[in-house]
Amino acid sequence: MNYMQSVTKAIACLEARLSDEITADEVATEVGYSSYHFHRIFQSVTRSTISEYIRGGD
């Protein structure tokens, strides 16, 4: 799986669980990366952190 596919899968996971409490660690685990590495991947692709994405881009 390439980085874009991983981020797309993570966003789908986030969108499906927006009303639930979800952590960045859970999302990273879902797509198969360490939290540290996936944070860097997500931010590189989306230009926002996972937390910013969850909050709506603040």
C-alpha atoms as a PDB file:
ATOM      1  CA  MET A   1       0.000   0.000   0.000  1.00  0.00           C
ATOM      2  CA  ASN A   2       1.416   3.397  -0.902  1.00  0.00           C
ATOM      3  CA  TYR A   3       1.169   6.524   1.222  1.00  0.00           C
ATOM      4  CA  MET A   4      -1.781   8.007  -0.661  1.00  0.00           C
ATOM      5  CA  GLN A   5      -3.750   4.787  -0.251  1.00  0.00           C
ATOM      6  CA  SER A   6      -2.880   4.726   3.454  1.00  0.00           C
ATOM      7  CA  VAL A   7      -4.078   8.294   3.954  1.00  0.00           C
ATOM      8  CA  THR A   8      -7.247   7.621   1.959  1.00  0.00           C
ATOM      9  CA  LYS A   9      -7.953   4.584   4.137  1.00  0.00           C
ATOM     10  CA  ALA A  10      -7.240   6.630   7.281  1.00  0.00           C
ATOM     11  CA  ILE A  11      -9.611   9.401   6.182  1.00  0.00           C
ATOM     12  CA  ALA A  12     -12.333   6.826   5.500  1.00  0.00           C
ATOM     13  CA  CYS A  13     -11.760   5.425   8.994  1.00  0.00           C
ATOM     14  CA  LEU A  14     -11.914   8.914  10.508  1.00  0.00           C
ATOM     15  CA  GLU A  15     -15.064   9.860   8.606  1.00  0.00           C
ATOM     16  CA  ALA A  16     -16.801   6.647   9.648  1.00  0.00           C
ATOM     17  CA  ARG A  17     -16.040   7.337  13.316  1.00  0.00           C
ATOM     18  CA  LEU A  18     -16.327  11.121  13.653  1.00  0.00           C
ATOM     19  CA  SER A  19     -19.053  10.825  16.259  1.00  0.00           C
ATOM     20  CA  ASP A  20     -16.889   8.407  18.301  1.00  0.00           C
ATOM     21  CA  GLU A  21     -13.807   9.204  20.279  1.00  0.00           C
ATOM     22  CA  ILE A  22     -10.904   8.154  18.073  1.00  0.00           C
ATOM     23  CA  THR A  23      -7.223   8.732  18.566  1.00  0.00           C
ATOM     24  CA  ALA A  24      -4.443   9.245  16.089  1.00  0.00           C
ATOM     25  CA  ASP A  25      -2.855   6.064  17.468  1.00  0.00           C
ATOM     26  CA  GLU A  26      -5.963   4.063  16.565  1.00  0.00           C
ATOM     27  CA  VAL A  27      -5.944   5.452  13.037  1.00  0.00           C
ATOM     28  CA  ALA A  28      -2.241   4.666  12.604  1.00  0.00           C
ATOM     29  CA  THR A  29      -2.818   1.115  13.799  1.00  0.00           C
ATOM     30  CA  GLU A  30      -5.747   0.753  11.401  1.00  0.00           C
ATOM     31  CA  VAL A  31      -3.525   1.522   8.410  1.00  0.00           C
ATOM     32  CA  GLY A  32      -0.523  -0.424   9.684  1.00  0.00           C
ATOM     33  CA  TYR A  33       2.021   2.237  10.649  1.00  0.00           C
ATOM     34  CA  SER A  34       3.547   3.422  13.893  1.00  0.00           C
ATOM     35  CA  SER A  35       1.935   6.562  15.269  1.00  0.00           C
ATOM     36  CA  TYR A  36       5.074   8.597  14.681  1.00  0.00           C
ATOM     37  CA  HIS A  37       5.560   7.494  11.085  1.00  0.00           C
ATOM     38  CA  PHE A  38       1.907   7.802  10.145  1.00  0.00           C
ATOM     39  CA  HIS A  39       1.661  11.309  11.620  1.00  0.00           C
ATOM     40  CA  ARG A  40       4.457  12.361   9.268  1.00  0.00           C
ATOM     41  CA  ILE A  41       2.827  10.629   6.273  1.00  0.00           C
ATOM     42  CA  PHE A  42      -0.612  12.134   6.962  1.00  0.00           C
ATOM     43  CA  GLN A  43       0.741  15.630   7.429  1.00  0.00           C
ATOM     44  CA  SER A  44       2.868  15.381   4.295  1.00  0.00           C
ATOM     45  CA  VAL A  45      -0.079  14.318   2.142  1.00  0.00           C
ATOM     46  CA  THR A  46      -2.856  16.470   3.641  1.00  0.00           C
ATOM     47  CA  ARG A  47      -0.862  19.449   4.971  1.00  0.00           C
ATOM     48  CA  SER A  48      -2.686  19.071   8.295  1.00  0.00           C
ATOM     49  CA  THR A  49      -2.262  16.875  11.310  1.00  0.00           C
ATOM     50  CA  ILE A  50      -4.663  14.076  12.139  1.00  0.00           C
ATOM     51  CA  SER A  51      -5.905  16.090  15.117  1.00  0.00           C
ATOM     52  CA  GLU A  52      -6.551  19.133  12.921  1.00  0.00           C
ATOM     53  CA  TYR A  53      -8.439  16.948  10.471  1.00  0.00           C
ATOM     54  CA  ILE A  54     -10.575  15.483  13.269  1.00  0.00           C
ATOM     55  CA  ARG A  55     -11.348  18.983  14.614  1.00  0.00           C
ATOM     56  CA  GLY A  56     -12.290  20.177  11.147  1.00  0.00           C
ATOM     57  CA  GLY A  57      -9.134  21.914  10.015  1.00  0.00           C
ATOM     58  CA  ASP A  58      -8.748  24.448  12.821  1.00  0.00           C
END
